[in-house]
């Protein structure tokens, strides 16, 4: 995440090609949104007991347990022609790439709006500190349950959007370290949807292909 911040600062200073990154976490960590209170948004004693780090993101949003997931980040100039110049438009465009990646894996996912027919699945937990229990403007959902969460930060001339795509999900662990976490009725993951083990590398390949397909581009590694 520190590298994401450095890339955002570089893009803010002048011309820069858009960057797509994928990464995982070792050890697991809870990331707090930029404006969250640590005291109310994670259980420090339990994190320390379990060897889970606590970090703070430069983006907003709510607490996220980074464990069995693939984290993505996109950093680009705000005037890049591949992206709309507003937050919601950018969210929607990037969500299309994520959606293509999920479908490429075989996950029957869909993009829904917060006010859409699936909103009732997450609305009861809208005040919870946990990101995956709370709704956003555009959600990637499978069988009515949230499978990915994202947050965005815009600066003068550039933006960063990053998010978590759940490969696996342990509601008991999330509930132990984040107040209000573990809402398994509102959350799903790739392994649950496919009914098999899925490697991080398989998920990376699918999402790289999904973004390439959605944006009509070829990546320069």
C-alpha atoms as a PDB file:
ATOM      1  CA  UNK A   1       0.000   0.000   0.000  1.00  0.00           C
ATOM      2  CA  UNK A   2       2.954   2.329   0.580  1.00  0.00           C
ATOM      3  CA  UNK A   3       3.997   1.689  -3.029  1.00  0.00           C
ATOM      4  CA  UNK A   4       0.452   2.522  -4.164  1.00  0.00           C
ATOM      5  CA  UNK A   5       0.794   5.855  -2.369  1.00  0.00           C
ATOM      6  CA  UNK A   6       4.155   6.581  -4.016  1.00  0.00           C
ATOM      7  CA  UNK A   7       2.747   5.772  -7.461  1.00  0.00           C
ATOM      8  CA  UNK A   8      -0.205   8.082  -6.800  1.00  0.00           C
ATOM      9  CA  UNK A   9       2.147  10.907  -5.813  1.00  0.00           C
ATOM     10  CA  UNK A  10       4.202  10.353  -8.993  1.00  0.00           C
ATOM     11  CA  UNK A  11       1.075  10.396 -11.195  1.00  0.00           C
ATOM     12  CA  UNK A  12      -0.077  13.594  -9.488  1.00  0.00           C
ATOM     13  CA  UNK A  13       3.167  15.345 -10.430  1.00  0.00           C
ATOM     14  CA  UNK A  14       2.953  14.767 -14.159  1.00  0.00           C
ATOM     15  CA  UNK A  15       2.409  12.415 -17.112  1.00  0.00           C
ATOM     16  CA  UNK A  16       2.440   8.742 -16.162  1.00  0.00           C
ATOM     17  CA  UNK A  17       1.118   5.546 -17.680  1.00  0.00           C
ATOM     18  CA  UNK A  18      -1.705   3.860 -15.742  1.00  0.00           C
ATOM     19  CA  UNK A  19      -0.527   1.071 -13.436  1.00  0.00           C
ATOM     20  CA  UNK A  20      -2.329  -2.130 -12.430  1.00  0.00           C
ATOM     21  CA  UNK A  21      -0.882  -4.012  -9.453  1.00  0.00           C
ATOM     22  CA  UNK A  22      -1.805  -7.275  -7.745  1.00  0.00           C
ATOM     23  CA  UNK A  23      -0.515  -8.292  -4.335  1.00  0.00           C
ATOM     24  CA  UNK A  24      -1.202 -10.494  -1.310  1.00  0.00           C
ATOM     25  CA  UNK A  25      -0.442 -10.182   2.415  1.00  0.00           C
ATOM     26  CA  UNK A  26       2.042 -11.925   4.728  1.00  0.00           C
ATOM     27  CA  UNK A  27       1.200 -11.833   7.562  1.00  0.00           C
ATOM     28  CA  UNK A  28      -2.505 -11.093   7.358  1.00  0.00           C
ATOM     29  CA  UNK A  29      -3.507  -7.535   8.247  1.00  0.00           C
ATOM     30  CA  UNK A  30      -6.465  -5.349   9.082  1.00  0.00           C
ATOM     31  CA  UNK A  31      -6.420  -2.106   7.109  1.00  0.00           C
ATOM     32  CA  UNK A  32      -8.355   0.845   8.479  1.00  0.00           C
ATOM     33  CA  UNK A  33      -9.993   3.494   6.333  1.00  0.00           C
ATOM     34  CA  UNK A  34      -8.395   6.930   6.331  1.00  0.00           C
ATOM     35  CA  UNK A  35     -10.934   8.444   8.739  1.00  0.00           C
ATOM     36  CA  UNK A  36     -11.745   5.457  10.942  1.00  0.00           C
ATOM     37  CA  UNK A  37     -11.108   5.343  14.658  1.00  0.00           C
ATOM     38  CA  UNK A  38      -8.789   2.434  15.414  1.00  0.00           C
ATOM     39  CA  UNK A  39     -10.407   1.938  18.821  1.00  0.00           C
ATOM     40  CA  UNK A  40     -13.855   1.383  17.285  1.00  0.00           C
ATOM     41  CA  UNK A  41     -12.787  -0.312  14.049  1.00  0.00           C
ATOM     42  CA  UNK A  42     -10.550  -3.197  15.075  1.00  0.00           C
ATOM     43  CA  UNK A  43      -9.767  -5.292  18.134  1.00  0.00           C
ATOM     44  CA  UNK A  44      -6.062  -4.647  18.687  1.00  0.00           C
ATOM     45  CA  UNK A  45      -5.541  -7.219  21.441  1.00  0.00           C
ATOM     46  CA  UNK A  46      -6.959 -10.002  19.271  1.00  0.00           C
ATOM     47  CA  UNK A  47      -4.915  -8.881  16.248  1.00  0.00           C
ATOM     48  CA  UNK A  48      -1.737  -8.952  18.323  1.00  0.00           C
ATOM     49  CA  UNK A  49      -2.581 -12.362  19.770  1.00  0.00           C
ATOM     50  CA  UNK A  50      -3.117 -13.810  16.291  1.00  0.00           C
ATOM     51  CA  UNK A  51      -0.107 -12.093  14.667  1.00  0.00           C
ATOM     52  CA  UNK A  52      -2.257  -9.882  12.435  1.00  0.00           C
ATOM     53  CA  UNK A  53      -0.866  -6.474  11.496  1.00  0.00           C
ATOM     54  CA  UNK A  54      -2.869  -3.241  11.625  1.00  0.00           C
ATOM     55  CA  UNK A  55      -2.272  -0.622   8.929  1.00  0.00           C
ATOM     56  CA  UNK A  56      -4.049   2.545   7.792  1.00  0.00           C
ATOM     57  CA  UNK A  57      -4.952   3.140   4.151  1.00  0.00           C
ATOM     58  CA  UNK A  58      -4.862   6.519   2.422  1.00  0.00           C
ATOM     59  CA  UNK A  59      -8.326   5.731   1.030  1.00  0.00           C
ATOM     60  CA  UNK A  60     -11.585   5.963   2.913  1.00  0.00           C
ATOM     61  CA  UNK A  61     -14.000   3.164   3.628  1.00  0.00           C
ATOM     62  CA  UNK A  62     -14.134   0.670   6.457  1.00  0.00           C
ATOM     63  CA  UNK A  63     -12.006  -2.016   8.054  1.00  0.00           C
ATOM     64  CA  UNK A  64     -10.805  -4.853   5.825  1.00  0.00           C
ATOM     65  CA  UNK A  65      -9.205  -8.119   6.896  1.00  0.00           C
ATOM     66  CA  UNK A  66      -6.565  -8.878   4.256  1.00  0.00           C
ATOM     67  CA  UNK A  67      -6.076 -12.608   4.447  1.00  0.00           C
ATOM     68  CA  UNK A  68      -7.330 -15.056   1.815  1.00  0.00           C
ATOM     69  CA  UNK A  69      -7.566 -12.513  -0.974  1.00  0.00           C
ATOM     70  CA  UNK A  70      -6.038 -10.887  -4.013  1.00  0.00           C
ATOM     71  CA  UNK A  71      -5.579  -7.143  -3.617  1.00  0.00           C
ATOM     72  CA  UNK A  72      -5.624  -5.042  -6.774  1.00  0.00           C
ATOM     73  CA  UNK A  73      -4.699  -1.388  -7.266  1.00  0.00           C
ATOM     74  CA  UNK A  74      -5.029   0.950 -10.229  1.00  0.00           C
ATOM     75  CA  UNK A  75      -3.191   4.265 -10.301  1.00  0.00           C
ATOM     76  CA  UNK A  76      -3.742   6.668 -13.198  1.00  0.00           C
ATOM     77  CA  UNK A  77      -3.891  10.281 -14.236  1.00  0.00           C
ATOM     78  CA  UNK A  78      -7.368  11.777 -13.849  1.00  0.00           C
ATOM     79  CA  UNK A  79      -7.226  12.948 -17.473  1.00  0.00           C
ATOM     80  CA  UNK A  80      -6.362   9.499 -18.837  1.00  0.00           C
ATOM     81  CA  UNK A  81      -8.855   8.836 -21.679  1.00  0.00           C
ATOM     82  CA  UNK A  82      -9.516   5.284 -20.465  1.00  0.00           C
ATOM     83  CA  UNK A  83     -11.285   6.575 -17.350  1.00  0.00           C
ATOM     84  CA  UNK A  84     -14.207   8.940 -16.685  1.00  0.00           C
ATOM     85  CA  UNK A  85     -13.271  12.077 -14.744  1.00  0.00           C
ATOM     86  CA  UNK A  86     -15.593  11.360 -11.810  1.00  0.00           C
ATOM     87  CA  UNK A  87     -15.453   8.920  -8.899  1.00  0.00           C
ATOM     88  CA  UNK A  88     -18.587   6.913  -9.658  1.00  0.00           C
ATOM     89  CA  UNK A  89     -17.783   6.644 -13.355  1.00  0.00           C
ATOM     90  CA  UNK A  90     -14.299   5.370 -12.572  1.00  0.00           C
ATOM     91  CA  UNK A  91     -15.681   2.870 -10.057  1.00  0.00           C
ATOM     92  CA  UNK A  92     -18.035   1.495 -12.684  1.00  0.00           C
ATOM     93  CA  UNK A  93     -15.372   1.185 -15.396  1.00  0.00           C
ATOM     94  CA  UNK A  94     -12.951  -0.607 -13.078  1.00  0.00           C
ATOM     95  CA  UNK A  95     -15.749  -2.841 -11.794  1.00  0.00           C
ATOM     96  CA  UNK A  96     -16.290  -4.058 -15.362  1.00  0.00           C
ATOM     97  CA  UNK A  97     -12.698  -5.330 -15.428  1.00  0.00           C
ATOM     98  CA  UNK A  98     -13.168  -7.060 -12.083  1.00  0.00           C
ATOM     99  CA  UNK A  99     -16.447  -8.549 -13.268  1.00  0.00           C
ATOM    100  CA  UNK A 100     -14.776  -9.937 -16.406  1.00  0.00           C
ATOM    101  CA  UNK A 101     -12.084 -11.505 -14.224  1.00  0.00           C
ATOM    102  CA  UNK A 102     -14.628 -13.193 -11.942  1.00  0.00           C
ATOM    103  CA  UNK A 103     -16.611 -14.512 -14.868  1.00  0.00           C
ATOM    104  CA  UNK A 104     -13.400 -15.736 -16.480  1.00  0.00           C
ATOM    105  CA  UNK A 105     -12.888 -17.903 -13.408  1.00  0.00           C
ATOM    106  CA  UNK A 106     -16.412 -19.243 -13.750  1.00  0.00           C
ATOM    107  CA  UNK A 107     -17.998 -17.188 -10.953  1.00  0.00           C
ATOM    108  CA  UNK A 108     -21.583 -16.185 -11.761  1.00  0.00           C
ATOM    109  CA  UNK A 109     -21.064 -12.575 -10.633  1.00  0.00           C
ATOM    110  CA  UNK A 110     -22.916  -9.373 -11.430  1.00  0.00           C
ATOM    111  CA  UNK A 111     -22.488  -5.654 -10.901  1.00  0.00           C
ATOM    112  CA  UNK A 112     -25.340  -4.094  -8.924  1.00  0.00           C
ATOM    113  CA  UNK A 113     -26.025  -0.591  -7.673  1.00  0.00           C
ATOM    114  CA  UNK A 114     -26.499   0.211  -4.002  1.00  0.00           C
ATOM    115  CA  UNK A 115     -30.171   0.897  -4.617  1.00  0.00           C
ATOM    116  CA  UNK A 116     -30.595  -2.272  -6.694  1.00  0.00           C
ATOM    117  CA  UNK A 117     -32.514  -5.420  -5.906  1.00  0.00           C
ATOM    118  CA  UNK A 118     -29.688  -6.928  -3.831  1.00  0.00           C
ATOM    119  CA  UNK A 119     -29.187  -3.897  -1.587  1.00  0.00           C
ATOM    120  CA  UNK A 120     -31.302  -5.446   1.161  1.00  0.00           C
ATOM    121  CA  UNK A 121     -28.659  -8.159   1.577  1.00  0.00           C
ATOM    122  CA  UNK A 122     -26.148  -5.679   2.984  1.00  0.00           C
ATOM    123  CA  UNK A 123     -28.211  -2.689   4.155  1.00  0.00           C
ATOM    124  CA  UNK A 124     -28.896  -4.111   7.665  1.00  0.00           C
ATOM    125  CA  UNK A 125     -25.144  -3.865   8.354  1.00  0.00           C
ATOM    126  CA  UNK A 126     -24.556  -0.442   6.781  1.00  0.00           C
ATOM    127  CA  UNK A 127     -23.174   1.058  10.003  1.00  0.00           C
ATOM    128  CA  UNK A 128     -20.784  -1.801  10.760  1.00  0.00           C
ATOM    129  CA  UNK A 129     -17.035  -1.000  10.771  1.00  0.00           C
ATOM    130  CA  UNK A 130     -16.375  -3.982   8.456  1.00  0.00           C
ATOM    131  CA  UNK A 131     -16.119  -3.151   4.755  1.00  0.00           C
ATOM    132  CA  UNK A 132     -17.597  -6.417   3.523  1.00  0.00           C
ATOM    133  CA  UNK A 133     -20.714  -5.972   5.649  1.00  0.00           C
ATOM    134  CA  UNK A 134     -21.518  -2.539   4.248  1.00  0.00           C
ATOM    135  CA  UNK A 135     -22.805  -1.428   0.835  1.00  0.00           C
ATOM    136  CA  UNK A 136     -21.062   0.787  -1.697  1.00  0.00           C
ATOM    137  CA  UNK A 137     -22.312   2.544  -4.837  1.00  0.00           C
ATOM    138  CA  UNK A 138     -21.472  -0.367  -7.143  1.00  0.00           C
ATOM    139  CA  UNK A 139     -21.095  -3.868  -5.759  1.00  0.00           C
ATOM    140  CA  UNK A 140     -19.687  -7.040  -7.277  1.00  0.00           C
ATOM    141  CA  UNK A 141     -21.941  -9.779  -6.013  1.00  0.00           C
ATOM    142  CA  UNK A 142     -22.444 -13.492  -6.544  1.00  0.00           C
ATOM    143  CA  UNK A 143     -25.793 -15.028  -5.635  1.00  0.00           C
ATOM    144  CA  UNK A 144     -26.689 -11.808  -3.842  1.00  0.00           C
ATOM    145  CA  UNK A 145     -23.559 -11.713  -1.669  1.00  0.00           C
ATOM    146  CA  UNK A 146     -20.600  -9.357  -1.816  1.00  0.00           C
ATOM    147  CA  UNK A 147     -17.388 -10.849  -3.226  1.00  0.00           C
ATOM    148  CA  UNK A 148     -15.152  -7.764  -3.667  1.00  0.00           C
ATOM    149  CA  UNK A 149     -14.751  -4.351  -2.040  1.00  0.00           C
ATOM    150  CA  UNK A 150     -13.003  -1.219  -3.299  1.00  0.00           C
ATOM    151  CA  UNK A 151     -12.012   2.284  -2.195  1.00  0.00           C
ATOM    152  CA  UNK A 152     -10.726   5.299  -4.107  1.00  0.00           C
ATOM    153  CA  UNK A 153      -8.573   8.355  -3.405  1.00  0.00           C
ATOM    154  CA  UNK A 154      -8.306  11.291  -5.791  1.00  0.00           C
ATOM    155  CA  UNK A 155      -5.625  13.964  -5.666  1.00  0.00           C
ATOM    156  CA  UNK A 156      -4.846  16.886  -7.894  1.00  0.00           C
ATOM    157  CA  UNK A 157      -4.514  15.265 -11.305  1.00  0.00           C
ATOM    158  CA  UNK A 158      -4.574  11.569 -10.383  1.00  0.00           C
ATOM    159  CA  UNK A 159      -6.460   8.800  -8.610  1.00  0.00           C
ATOM    160  CA  UNK A 160      -5.825   5.518  -6.820  1.00  0.00           C
ATOM    161  CA  UNK A 161      -8.410   2.772  -6.560  1.00  0.00           C
ATOM    162  CA  UNK A 162      -7.623  -0.426  -4.727  1.00  0.00           C
ATOM    163  CA  UNK A 163      -9.666  -3.262  -3.380  1.00  0.00           C
ATOM    164  CA  UNK A 164      -9.920  -6.811  -2.123  1.00  0.00           C
ATOM    165  CA  UNK A 165     -11.226  -9.790  -4.065  1.00  0.00           C
ATOM    166  CA  UNK A 166     -12.030 -12.637  -1.672  1.00  0.00           C
ATOM    167  CA  UNK A 167     -10.501 -15.963  -2.665  1.00  0.00           C
ATOM    168  CA  UNK A 168     -11.434 -17.490   0.690  1.00  0.00           C
ATOM    169  CA  UNK A 169     -13.354 -16.138   3.648  1.00  0.00           C
ATOM    170  CA  UNK A 170     -13.197 -16.944   7.356  1.00  0.00           C
ATOM    171  CA  UNK A 171     -16.131 -15.190   9.064  1.00  0.00           C
ATOM    172  CA  UNK A 172     -14.998 -16.311  12.525  1.00  0.00           C
ATOM    173  CA  UNK A 173     -11.566 -14.724  12.090  1.00  0.00           C
ATOM    174  CA  UNK A 174     -13.079 -11.517  10.714  1.00  0.00           C
ATOM    175  CA  UNK A 175     -15.514 -11.334  13.639  1.00  0.00           C
ATOM    176  CA  UNK A 176     -12.639 -11.838  16.079  1.00  0.00           C
ATOM    177  CA  UNK A 177     -10.614  -8.860  14.834  1.00  0.00           C
ATOM    178  CA  UNK A 178     -13.219  -6.420  13.429  1.00  0.00           C
ATOM    179  CA  UNK A 179     -16.346  -5.345  15.372  1.00  0.00           C
ATOM    180  CA  UNK A 180     -19.371  -6.282  13.295  1.00  0.00           C
ATOM    181  CA  UNK A 181     -17.335  -8.546  11.023  1.00  0.00           C
ATOM    182  CA  UNK A 182     -18.179 -12.119  10.129  1.00  0.00           C
ATOM    183  CA  UNK A 183     -21.517 -11.383   8.447  1.00  0.00           C
ATOM    184  CA  UNK A 184     -21.338 -14.528   6.340  1.00  0.00           C
ATOM    185  CA  UNK A 185     -24.900 -14.047   5.055  1.00  0.00           C
ATOM    186  CA  UNK A 186     -23.718 -10.909   3.233  1.00  0.00           C
ATOM    187  CA  UNK A 187     -20.335 -12.164   2.003  1.00  0.00           C
ATOM    188  CA  UNK A 188     -19.054 -14.891  -0.313  1.00  0.00           C
ATOM    189  CA  UNK A 189     -15.732 -15.840  -1.884  1.00  0.00           C
ATOM    190  CA  UNK A 190     -14.343 -17.407  -5.057  1.00  0.00           C
ATOM    191  CA  UNK A 191     -13.681 -20.816  -3.474  1.00  0.00           C
ATOM    192  CA  UNK A 192     -17.240 -21.028  -2.139  1.00  0.00           C
ATOM    193  CA  UNK A 193     -18.735 -20.031  -5.477  1.00  0.00           C
ATOM    194  CA  UNK A 194     -16.654 -22.518  -7.483  1.00  0.00           C
ATOM    195  CA  UNK A 195     -16.684 -25.299  -4.905  1.00  0.00           C
ATOM    196  CA  UNK A 196     -12.971 -25.984  -5.298  1.00  0.00           C
ATOM    197  CA  UNK A 197      -9.539 -24.731  -4.271  1.00  0.00           C
ATOM    198  CA  UNK A 198      -8.331 -21.795  -6.354  1.00  0.00           C
ATOM    199  CA  UNK A 199      -4.733 -20.564  -6.320  1.00  0.00           C
ATOM    200  CA  UNK A 200      -3.678 -16.932  -6.155  1.00  0.00           C
ATOM    201  CA  UNK A 201      -1.883 -17.341  -9.491  1.00  0.00           C
ATOM    202  CA  UNK A 202      -5.061 -18.599 -11.173  1.00  0.00           C
ATOM    203  CA  UNK A 203      -6.976 -15.602  -9.856  1.00  0.00           C
ATOM    204  CA  UNK A 204      -4.234 -13.198 -10.997  1.00  0.00           C
ATOM    205  CA  UNK A 205      -4.288 -14.614 -14.529  1.00  0.00           C
ATOM    206  CA  UNK A 206      -8.073 -14.347 -14.690  1.00  0.00           C
ATOM    207  CA  UNK A 207      -8.116 -10.725 -13.560  1.00  0.00           C
ATOM    208  CA  UNK A 208      -5.256  -9.714 -15.819  1.00  0.00           C
ATOM    209  CA  UNK A 209      -7.254 -11.179 -18.703  1.00  0.00           C
ATOM    210  CA  UNK A 210     -10.445  -9.554 -17.442  1.00  0.00           C
ATOM    211  CA  UNK A 211      -8.940  -6.068 -17.354  1.00  0.00           C
ATOM    212  CA  UNK A 212      -7.283  -6.551 -20.759  1.00  0.00           C
ATOM    213  CA  UNK A 213     -10.618  -7.655 -22.233  1.00  0.00           C
ATOM    214  CA  UNK A 214     -12.663  -4.918 -20.563  1.00  0.00           C
ATOM    215  CA  UNK A 215     -10.308  -2.072 -21.481  1.00  0.00           C
ATOM    216  CA  UNK A 216      -9.293  -3.481 -24.878  1.00  0.00           C
ATOM    217  CA  UNK A 217      -5.595  -3.198 -24.048  1.00  0.00           C
ATOM    218  CA  UNK A 218      -2.382  -5.207 -23.807  1.00  0.00           C
ATOM    219  CA  UNK A 219      -0.357  -4.845 -20.614  1.00  0.00           C
ATOM    220  CA  UNK A 220       3.323  -3.947 -20.618  1.00  0.00           C
ATOM    221  CA  UNK A 221       4.648  -6.001 -17.691  1.00  0.00           C
END
